[in-house]
C-alpha cells in the first residue's frame, strides 16, 4: 500500500471507535489507534438490559464530560454513526435475534482521546415446557425405599441464570443451579432422590424452572410443572399397643379394638380360644356379648406386610370368674323358681293362685286367722 492509499484508509477510519492515525516510521506505514482515556465518564441508561429473544429495547449513552467532539454506537446489528457535539446518544434494537449481543458506545474527546463502554445485554428465553418424568418410578412408592424423580426443562436460555426448584406441599425441598456459559437454548434436567414416609402419602410435589435475571428482568420468571401426587404404601400399624391386657369385671364392656392404619387399607382376621358369637370377618373392632379368659389374636394384612395384635383376656383377681358367676346365677334362679312353684301347687297337684295361708303348721282355706 502506498502512502496516499494508507492515508485515505486511515482517514476513513478516524471517526470509528478504534480511532486510527497514520504513522510513518522508517518507511513502514501503519494505522494505530487513538489513545483511550484512562477514565471513561460514560453513563448507560439503563445500565444493563435484559431482553427476551426477539424483543426490542432502547438505551441512552450520555456523559457529563464537557470537552466532547462527538459520540457514536457500534454493534453487530448496526451502528449509530459518529454524531458531533452531543453529550447523549440513544440506541435502539427493534428485534434482537442474536443470543450474544454486546453493543458499544464510544466518545471522542477534543484532546484526541477516545472513551468507549460496552452495554451488558442478557438475552433470555423461557422453557418450552417443564415436566416431571419417571426417572426410576412414578407409580406408588413404598415407605422407606429410595426413588428418583427427574425434572426436564426444554429449551431454556441462558442456562447460567437457571435454577430448578423442587417443592412438596409448597415448601422447597431441593434446588439446583448451573454454571454453563452457553447462551443458546439448551435442554436441562434435575434429579431428586427421595425416601418417602407415610406422611408423604397424598402430598403434591412439583418442580419449577426459574430464570434469575435480576431487577431488570421479568418478575417472576418461573415456569412450573404439573403437580404429581405422591402415593406411598406402608404396612399396617395398630392405633393401640400390639399386646393389650383386657380384664373382665362385672361392669366392663367387652371390646376388642384391632384398628390399624395402612396403605393399602388393611383387612382383618381373628383367632380365638372360644366362640365369639359375633361376625369376625374383616372386622377391626369386636363387641362380643360374652368373653371368656384366654388369648385372642387379630391379624391386619395389606400388600406390604401383615401385623398381629394379641389380646390377653383375664379375670380380675379376687372376684368371681365369669363361669362361676354364670353357674351361681343359674343356681339362684333355680331356687327361686322352686319356691314359687311350691307355693302355687295344691295338694291335688294343680296350680292355684288362691292357695290358703299357713297357720301353726295348718293351712286355712279362709286365709289368715
Protein backbone atom coordinates (compact mmCIF):
# COMPACT_ATOMS: atom_id res chain seq x y z
CA UNK A 1 0.00 0.00 0.00
CA UNK A 2 1.41 3.43 -0.94
CA UNK A 3 1.31 6.47 1.32
CA UNK A 4 -1.74 8.08 -0.29
CA UNK A 5 -3.79 4.89 -0.12
CA UNK A 6 -2.83 4.38 3.51
CA UNK A 7 -3.73 7.96 4.33
CA UNK A 8 -7.11 7.58 2.67
CA UNK A 9 -7.84 4.37 4.63
CA UNK A 10 -6.84 5.84 7.98
CA UNK A 11 -8.79 9.00 7.31
CA UNK A 12 -11.89 6.91 6.65
CA UNK A 13 -11.35 5.17 9.98
CA UNK A 14 -10.61 8.23 12.01
CA UNK A 15 -14.18 8.57 13.25
CA UNK A 16 -14.67 4.86 14.08
CA UNK A 17 -14.44 3.53 17.64
CA UNK A 18 -10.95 2.18 17.05
CA UNK A 19 -9.65 5.64 16.10
CA UNK A 20 -6.63 5.42 13.84
CA UNK A 21 -3.77 7.66 12.90
CA UNK A 22 -1.23 7.32 10.16
CA UNK A 23 2.31 6.70 11.37
CA UNK A 24 5.40 6.56 9.16
CA UNK A 25 8.41 5.03 10.86
CA UNK A 26 11.47 4.09 8.84
CA UNK A 27 9.43 3.62 5.76
CA UNK A 28 6.74 1.47 7.41
CA UNK A 29 3.22 2.72 7.03
CA UNK A 30 0.64 1.71 9.73
CA UNK A 31 -2.60 2.88 11.28
CA UNK A 32 -2.62 2.92 15.06
CA UNK A 33 -5.50 3.53 17.48
CA UNK A 34 -6.38 6.85 19.00
CA UNK A 35 -5.33 6.97 22.70
CA UNK A 36 -8.01 5.60 25.05
CA UNK A 37 -8.85 7.66 28.09
CA UNK A 38 -7.94 6.05 31.43
CA UNK A 39 -11.29 7.08 32.88
CA UNK A 40 -14.48 6.90 30.89
CA UNK A 41 -17.29 9.16 32.12
CA UNK A 42 -19.97 7.37 30.05
CA UNK A 43 -23.29 6.51 31.69
CA UNK A 44 -25.69 3.93 30.26
CA UNK A 45 -29.40 4.34 30.94
CA UNK A 46 -30.43 1.69 31.83
CA UNK A 47 -27.04 0.37 32.99
CA UNK A 48 -27.84 -3.14 31.69
CA UNK A 49 -30.52 -4.67 29.52
CA UNK A 50 -32.47 -7.92 29.96
CA UNK A 51 -34.47 -8.70 26.84
CA UNK A 52 -36.47 -11.66 25.61
CA UNK A 53 -35.13 -13.22 22.42
CA UNK A 54 -36.84 -11.46 19.52
CA UNK A 55 -37.78 -8.49 21.70
CA UNK A 56 -36.86 -4.83 21.50
CA UNK A 57 -35.05 -2.39 23.76
CA UNK A 58 -33.57 1.09 23.78
CA UNK A 59 -30.74 2.64 25.77
CA UNK A 60 -29.13 6.08 26.05
CA UNK A 61 -25.41 6.69 26.25
CA UNK A 62 -24.56 10.00 27.95
CA UNK A 63 -21.68 11.84 29.56
CA UNK A 64 -21.02 14.75 31.86
CA UNK A 65 -17.72 15.48 30.05
CA UNK A 66 -17.67 18.99 28.52
CA UNK A 67 -14.82 18.51 26.03
CA UNK A 68 -16.69 16.14 23.71
CA UNK A 69 -16.02 16.03 19.99
CA UNK A 70 -18.77 13.51 19.26
CA UNK A 71 -20.42 10.16 20.20
CA UNK A 72 -21.45 7.02 18.33
CA UNK A 73 -22.59 3.38 18.70
CA UNK A 74 -21.18 0.15 17.23
CA UNK A 75 -22.90 -3.25 17.24
CA UNK A 76 -23.23 -6.44 15.22
CA UNK A 77 -26.79 -5.41 14.34
CA UNK A 78 -26.00 -1.93 13.09
CA UNK A 79 -24.35 1.27 14.19
CA UNK A 80 -25.15 4.85 15.03
CA UNK A 81 -22.64 6.97 13.18
CA UNK A 82 -20.43 9.44 14.98
CA UNK A 83 -22.58 12.40 15.91
CA UNK A 84 -20.74 15.67 16.55
CA UNK A 85 -21.23 17.98 19.51
CA UNK A 86 -23.61 15.77 21.54
CA UNK A 87 -23.38 14.54 25.14
CA UNK A 88 -26.04 11.85 24.85
CA UNK A 89 -26.96 9.44 22.10
CA UNK A 90 -29.80 6.84 22.02
CA UNK A 91 -29.51 3.33 20.62
CA UNK A 92 -32.48 1.10 19.74
CA UNK A 93 -32.98 -2.50 18.64
CA UNK A 94 -36.43 -3.44 17.34
CA UNK A 95 -35.97 -7.23 17.21
CA UNK A 96 -32.99 -8.87 18.90
CA UNK A 97 -32.35 -12.14 17.05
CA UNK A 98 -28.88 -12.88 18.41
CA UNK A 99 -28.16 -14.85 21.61
CA UNK A 100 -24.92 -12.99 22.33
CA UNK A 101 -25.05 -9.23 21.86
CA UNK A 102 -22.72 -6.54 23.18
CA UNK A 103 -23.14 -3.05 21.64
CA UNK A 104 -20.56 -0.39 22.39
CA UNK A 105 -20.90 3.35 22.88
CA UNK A 106 -17.84 5.47 22.11
CA UNK A 107 -16.98 9.10 22.69
CA UNK A 108 -14.24 11.17 21.06
CA UNK A 109 -12.72 13.95 23.15
CA UNK A 110 -11.30 17.25 21.90
CA UNK A 111 -7.85 16.36 23.21
CA UNK A 112 -7.68 13.38 20.83
CA UNK A 113 -8.51 10.70 23.38
CA UNK A 114 -11.30 8.20 22.93
CA UNK A 115 -13.62 6.73 25.59
CA UNK A 116 -15.72 3.61 25.00
CA UNK A 117 -18.02 1.38 27.05
CA UNK A 118 -19.95 -1.82 26.31
CA UNK A 119 -23.56 -2.36 27.27
CA UNK A 120 -24.33 -5.56 29.20
CA UNK A 121 -27.17 -7.37 27.44
CA UNK A 122 -28.77 -10.60 28.66
CA UNK A 123 -30.92 -12.39 26.09
CA UNK A 124 -33.29 -14.92 27.65
CA UNK A 125 -35.88 -17.49 26.66
CA UNK A 126 -38.36 -19.19 28.97
CA UNK A 127 -38.61 -23.00 28.63
CA UNK A 128 -40.97 -24.57 26.13
CA UNK A 129 -42.06 -27.00 28.87
CA UNK A 130 -41.25 -28.22 32.38
CA UNK A 131 -42.26 -31.80 33.20
CA UNK A 132 -41.67 -34.48 35.83
CA UNK A 133 -40.56 -37.74 34.24
CA UNK A 134 -40.29 -41.25 35.76
CA UNK A 135 -36.53 -41.38 36.16
CA UNK A 136 -36.94 -44.61 38.15
CA UNK A 137 -40.51 -44.69 39.40
CA UNK A 138 -43.64 -42.60 39.19
CA UNK A 139 -46.28 -45.03 40.48
CA UNK A 140 -46.99 -45.99 44.11
CA UNK A 141 -43.91 -45.86 46.34
CA UNK A 142 -43.10 -47.97 49.38
CA UNK A 143 -42.24 -46.25 52.64
CA UNK A 144 -38.51 -46.18 53.36
CA UNK A 145 -37.31 -47.07 49.86
CA UNK A 146 -35.32 -44.64 47.68
CA UNK A 147 -36.70 -43.27 44.43
CA UNK A 148 -35.60 -40.68 41.88
CA UNK A 149 -37.77 -38.17 40.05
CA UNK A 150 -36.47 -36.18 37.08
CA UNK A 151 -37.50 -32.67 36.12
CA UNK A 152 -36.99 -31.95 32.40
CA UNK A 153 -36.62 -28.34 31.24
CA UNK A 154 -36.91 -27.94 27.48
CA UNK A 155 -35.03 -25.20 25.58
CA UNK A 156 -34.17 -22.53 28.13
CA UNK A 157 -31.57 -19.74 27.93
CA UNK A 158 -29.24 -18.66 29.36
CA UNK A 159 -28.61 -21.76 31.48
CA UNK A 160 -26.19 -19.95 33.81
CA UNK A 161 -29.19 -17.98 35.12
CA UNK A 162 -31.31 -21.10 35.61
CA UNK A 163 -32.38 -22.57 38.94
CA UNK A 164 -34.56 -25.66 39.30
CA UNK A 165 -36.65 -25.75 42.46
CA UNK A 166 -38.43 -28.82 43.86
CA UNK A 167 -41.37 -28.23 46.18
CA UNK A 168 -43.54 -30.54 48.27
CA UNK A 169 -46.70 -29.10 49.76
CA UNK A 170 -45.40 -25.71 48.51
CA UNK A 171 -42.24 -25.97 50.63
CA UNK A 172 -38.84 -26.07 48.91
CA UNK A 173 -37.10 -29.41 49.46
CA UNK A 174 -34.29 -29.12 46.87
CA UNK A 175 -32.80 -26.60 44.43
CA UNK A 176 -30.14 -26.79 41.74
CA UNK A 177 -28.23 -24.19 39.73
CA UNK A 178 -26.00 -24.44 36.65
CA UNK A 179 -22.70 -22.83 35.64
CA UNK A 180 -22.67 -23.36 31.89
CA UNK A 181 -21.65 -20.35 29.78
CA UNK A 182 -23.78 -21.44 26.81
CA UNK A 183 -26.11 -18.61 25.80
CA UNK A 184 -28.24 -20.53 23.28
CA UNK A 185 -31.30 -22.58 24.39
CA UNK A 186 -30.49 -25.97 25.88
CA UNK A 187 -32.32 -28.89 27.49
CA UNK A 188 -31.54 -29.37 31.17
CA UNK A 189 -32.73 -31.74 33.88
CA UNK A 190 -32.67 -32.07 37.65
CA UNK A 191 -32.92 -35.36 39.57
CA UNK A 192 -34.50 -35.54 43.03
CA UNK A 193 -33.70 -38.51 45.31
CA UNK A 194 -36.42 -39.12 47.89
CA UNK A 195 -37.18 -41.70 50.58
CA UNK A 196 -40.90 -41.22 51.27
CA UNK A 197 -42.65 -41.72 54.58
CA UNK A 198 -46.32 -42.43 55.25
CA UNK A 199 -46.79 -38.72 55.98
CA UNK A 200 -45.98 -38.04 52.32
CA UNK A 201 -48.96 -40.05 51.12
CA UNK A 202 -51.23 -37.72 49.14
CA UNK A 203 -48.67 -34.87 49.10
CA UNK A 204 -48.33 -32.78 45.92
CA UNK A 205 -44.82 -32.43 44.51
CA UNK A 206 -43.68 -30.32 41.55
CA UNK A 207 -40.57 -28.75 40.03
CA UNK A 208 -40.14 -25.25 38.65
CA UNK A 209 -37.62 -23.63 36.31
CA UNK A 210 -36.65 -20.13 37.41
CA UNK A 211 -34.51 -17.66 35.49
CA UNK A 212 -32.70 -15.36 37.90
CA UNK A 213 -32.47 -12.24 35.76
CA UNK A 214 -32.24 -9.61 38.45
CA UNK A 215 -34.30 -6.43 38.87
CA UNK A 216 -34.07 -5.59 35.17
CA UNK A 217 -35.74 -8.84 34.14
CA UNK A 218 -39.34 -10.10 34.37
CA UNK A 219 -40.56 -10.95 37.85
CA UNK A 220 -41.18 -13.72 38.39
CA UNK A 221 -39.55 -15.60 35.52
CA UNK A 222 -40.84 -19.02 36.63
CA UNK A 223 -42.43 -21.97 34.85
CA UNK A 224 -43.67 -24.92 36.94
CA UNK A 225 -44.54 -28.49 36.07
CA UNK A 226 -47.93 -30.02 36.70
CA UNK A 227 -48.14 -31.33 40.28
CA UNK A 228 -47.56 -35.03 40.92
CA UNK A 229 -49.46 -36.68 43.77
CA UNK A 230 -47.28 -39.00 45.83
CA UNK A 231 -48.86 -42.37 46.62
CA UNK A 232 -46.97 -44.07 49.45
CA UNK A 233 -47.69 -47.65 50.51
CA UNK A 234 -46.84 -48.64 54.09
CA UNK A 235 -47.54 -51.66 56.34
CA UNK A 236 -50.37 -51.86 58.91
CA UNK A 237 -49.72 -50.04 62.17
CA UNK A 238 -52.06 -50.53 65.11
CA UNK A 239 -53.52 -47.45 66.74
CA UNK A 240 -53.09 -49.17 70.12
CA UNK A 241 -50.37 -51.41 71.61
CA UNK A 242 -49.59 -54.70 69.86
CA UNK A 243 -50.19 -56.56 73.14
CA UNK A 244 -53.22 -55.49 75.14
CA UNK A 245 -54.37 -56.82 78.51
CA UNK A 246 -58.15 -56.97 78.97
CA UNK A 247 -59.52 -57.56 82.49
CA UNK A 248 -63.07 -58.74 82.90
CA UNK A 249 -65.24 -57.19 85.58
CA UNK A 250 -68.95 -57.23 86.21
CA UNK A 251 -69.21 -53.69 84.83
CA UNK A 252 -66.73 -53.90 81.92
CA UNK A 253 -67.87 -53.80 78.32
CA UNK A 254 -66.45 -56.42 76.03
CA UNK A 255 -64.47 -54.55 73.36
CA UNK A 256 -61.54 -55.84 71.31
CA UNK A 257 -60.15 -52.97 69.18
CA UNK A 258 -57.70 -54.05 66.45
CA UNK A 259 -57.86 -50.87 64.33
CA UNK A 260 -54.74 -50.31 62.19
CA UNK A 261 -53.67 -47.69 59.64
CA UNK A 262 -52.02 -48.75 56.40
CA UNK A 263 -51.91 -48.23 52.65
CA UNK A 264 -53.48 -50.20 51.03
CA UNK A 265 -56.20 -50.40 53.68
CA UNK A 266 -55.69 -53.49 55.89
CA UNK A 267 -58.05 -56.45 56.09
CA UNK A 268 -58.59 -58.27 59.41
CA UNK A 269 -58.79 -61.86 60.59
CA UNK A 270 -59.31 -63.24 64.13
CA UNK A 271 -58.22 -66.33 66.04
CA UNK A 272 -59.88 -67.01 69.42
CA UNK A 273 -59.83 -69.87 72.01
CA UNK A 274 -63.60 -69.68 72.42
CA UNK A 275 -66.51 -68.92 70.10
CA UNK A 276 -67.08 -65.15 69.99
CA UNK A 277 -70.75 -65.31 68.89
CA UNK A 278 -70.22 -62.32 66.54
CA UNK A 279 -69.20 -61.91 62.90
CA UNK A 280 -65.40 -61.57 62.80
CA UNK A 281 -64.85 -61.40 59.03
CA UNK A 282 -62.75 -58.29 58.23
CA UNK A 283 -63.84 -56.60 61.45
CA UNK A 284 -61.42 -54.20 63.18
CA UNK A 285 -63.48 -53.91 66.38
CA UNK A 286 -65.39 -56.74 68.10
CA UNK A 287 -68.01 -56.35 70.84
CA UNK A 288 -68.95 -59.96 71.72
CA UNK A 289 -71.80 -60.45 74.21
CA UNK A 290 -69.57 -62.61 76.38
CA UNK A 291 -65.80 -63.04 76.74
CA UNK A 292 -64.04 -65.93 78.41
CA UNK A 293 -60.43 -65.78 79.60
CA UNK A 294 -57.78 -66.61 77.01
CA UNK A 295 -55.59 -65.15 74.27
CA UNK A 296 -57.27 -63.65 71.22
CA UNK A 297 -55.21 -62.78 68.13
CA UNK A 298 -56.09 -60.25 65.41
CA UNK A 299 -54.06 -60.03 62.17
CA UNK A 300 -54.11 -56.91 59.96
CA UNK A 301 -52.86 -57.56 56.41
CA UNK A 302 -52.14 -55.49 53.29
CA UNK A 303 -49.91 -55.80 50.20
CA UNK A 304 -46.84 -54.63 52.13
CA UNK A 305 -46.92 -56.77 55.29
CA UNK A 306 -49.09 -58.33 57.98
CA UNK A 307 -49.10 -57.48 61.67
CA UNK A 308 -50.67 -59.39 64.58
CA UNK A 309 -52.11 -57.94 67.76
CA UNK A 310 -52.66 -60.05 70.88
CA UNK A 311 -55.44 -59.56 73.45
CA UNK A 312 -54.83 -61.32 76.78
CA UNK A 313 -58.23 -61.62 78.48
CA UNK A 314 -58.19 -62.40 82.23
CA UNK A 315 -60.40 -62.20 85.33
CA UNK A 316 -59.99 -59.54 87.99
CA UNK A 317 -58.08 -61.04 90.94
CA UNK A 318 -60.34 -61.86 93.98
CA UNK A 319 -63.57 -61.59 92.03
CA UNK A 320 -66.00 -64.18 90.68
CA UNK A 321 -64.94 -65.79 87.44
CA UNK A 322 -67.22 -65.42 84.51
CA UNK A 323 -68.01 -69.11 84.50
CA UNK A 324 -68.65 -69.19 88.29
CA UNK A 325 -70.85 -66.15 88.01
CA UNK A 326 -72.90 -67.83 85.28
CA UNK A 327 -73.30 -71.08 87.34
CA UNK A 328 -74.09 -69.14 90.53
CA UNK A 329 -76.73 -67.09 88.80
CA UNK A 330 -78.30 -70.26 87.41
CA UNK A 331 -78.46 -71.94 90.84
CA UNK A 332 -80.04 -68.88 92.45
CA UNK A 333 -82.58 -68.57 89.66
CA UNK A 334 -83.47 -72.30 90.00
CA UNK A 335 -84.01 -71.99 93.77
CA UNK A 336 -86.30 -69.01 93.31
CA UNK A 337 -88.36 -70.86 90.72
CA UNK A 338 -88.69 -73.93 93.06
CA UNK A 339 -90.02 -71.82 95.97
CA UNK A 340 -92.52 -70.07 93.76
CA UNK A 341 -93.78 -73.31 92.25
CA UNK A 342 -94.12 -74.86 95.74
CA UNK A 343 -96.34 -72.03 96.83
CA UNK A 344 -98.62 -72.34 93.83
CA UNK A 345 -99.15 -76.13 93.64
CA UNK A 346 -102.28 -77.59 95.56
CA UNK A 347 -102.49 -80.94 97.29
CA UNK A 348 -104.33 -82.27 94.28
CA UNK A 349 -101.28 -81.39 92.12
CA UNK A 350 -102.89 -78.45 90.36
CA UNK A 351 -101.84 -74.79 90.28
CA UNK A 352 -103.82 -72.26 92.26
CA UNK A 353 -103.19 -68.61 92.85
CA UNK A 354 -105.68 -68.69 95.85
CA UNK A 355 -103.96 -71.37 97.84
CA UNK A 356 -104.52 -70.76 101.61
CA UNK A 357 -102.14 -69.23 104.07
CA UNK A 358 -100.14 -71.01 106.75
CA UNK A 359 -101.24 -71.08 110.44
CA UNK A 360 -99.48 -73.08 113.18
CA UNK A 361 -98.45 -75.68 110.64
CA UNK A 362 -102.00 -75.87 109.17
CA UNK A 363 -103.48 -74.22 106.23
CA UNK A 364 -106.64 -72.22 106.37
CA UNK A 365 -108.86 -72.07 103.36
CA UNK A 366 -110.28 -68.81 104.55
CA UNK A 367 -106.96 -67.06 104.74
CA UNK A 368 -105.06 -65.83 107.80
CA UNK A 369 -106.78 -66.46 111.23
